[in-house]
Amino acid sequence: MLFLYNLLIHIAGFFLRIIALFSPKIKLFVEGRKNVFSILKEKIKADDKTIWFHSASLGEYEQGLPVIEKIKEKYPSHKIIVTFFSPSGYEVRKNNTVADLTLYLPLDTKANAKKFIKLVHPELAFFIKYEFWLNYLKELETNKIPTYLISGIFRDNQMFFKWYGGFYRKALKAFTYFFVQNEKSKQKIKSLGFNNVIVSGDTRFDRVNAILQRDNSLDFIENFKNNEPVIVIGSSWPKDEVILADYINQASENVKFIIAPHNIKADQIENLKSQITKSTILYSEKENIDLSKYNVLIVDTVGLLTKIYSYGTIAYVGGGFGNPGIHNILEPATFGIPIVIGPNYSNFAEAVSLVQLKGCNVISNAEELKNAFDKLLLDRSFFEEKSKICSSFIQNNKGATETIMKIVS
């Protein structure tokens, strides 16, 4: 089976190079990996002390950031190496300041894994949440490098728990410790014979809690809000936007809307704007404009949503009408904002928990959306109850980073 795995990696690499000719995203994936080894040779010396963190994409990077920051404090003389698998993570965070070197992870071939580990020679390695690359794990184990999984999640449908997944189960021996998010994940990994596991919780709670300590002010949002209630629509998709536009168009004039779509391509932004009859302006058009005169602000840029949530009265988090499901609900929750989401959330443990606590409202159609928004806007005691549930949810679940740091040597 391991032979088949390695064969598939090589086949995938071949076809990705062909697809890259037609797909800008895959082109970034392929082109970004071409110079990784030459960069490592230039930037990492034989006597450098290094620590390696790997994340699949942006969400996992943000999840691991509290640990990265603490490790950097604990090992100030070490170089921090961060790798990404996905362009959507690397392209957004390639200029981060916490890492000394941020790169794409070369495809998981035997040769790449050997070369990468030899050049980086990490003293510690961290994988965030998932992404179990077998050849890299084998090299880490062979070189006796302490390796940790942080904020891990284990589910029945993963390869480890299939009758044919023996070669994947063997790869887990590389881990010095598993820090998992919940008791179910702990029991799943223990069922495979691994006892080096602890329920640390989800480091994302530490990440979003830290947001409260920073400056979240945005002058243009202050101007737009103008002391009116604001519904912040974060990471919306077209299926969300269809029913949201209906509500926006019939909403009271004293309610304002900020929409930060998941996709900010010009044609999709224009399509969204065309559905809205209220006075609407784009972020890119805001210069020298009195934003207070507008009802709707569409944010056609990235990187501002977290701060924007701090101004929200209610948050709608998008993605719940498609696959894989909703986006990050923890950022609005940390500001104590009641949250509304679509029906596809069952694969996200934090959303399941917050729904069960009744801090998060689930809607399936336009009528349910209207009822949820109107109830939160008009019933003050109901609003305050939901707000308190959301903020308490974050406070009650922080501390995963501290648990991890007590064990990592």
Foldseek 3Di string as FASTA:
>chain_A
DVVVVQVVLVVVLVVLVVVLVPDVFSVCLNVQPPCVLVVLQVPFDPPAAEEEEEEAAQVQCLQCVVLLQVVCVVCVRHAYEYEYNGPNHCVVCQPPDSGPHYGHQPGLHLVSLQSVCNSRVYQEYEYEADDQRQNVLVNLQVVVRAYEYAQYDDDCPDLCNDPPNPSVLVSVVSHPAYAYADPVRQVVNVVSVDPRYDDLHTSSLVSLLVVVVDDLDDVLLCQQLVVAAEEEEEQADPVVLVLVQVCQQPDDQRYAYEYEHVDLPPVVVVVSVVSHPFFEDEPVPPPPDRNNVGRYYYYSDDDNRLSSLLRHQAYEFYACVHPPHTDDPLSNLLSLHQYEYENNDVVPVLVVVLVVVVLYHYDHGNVSVNVVVCCLVPPPVVVNVSSVSSNVSSVVRHRSSVVVVVPDD
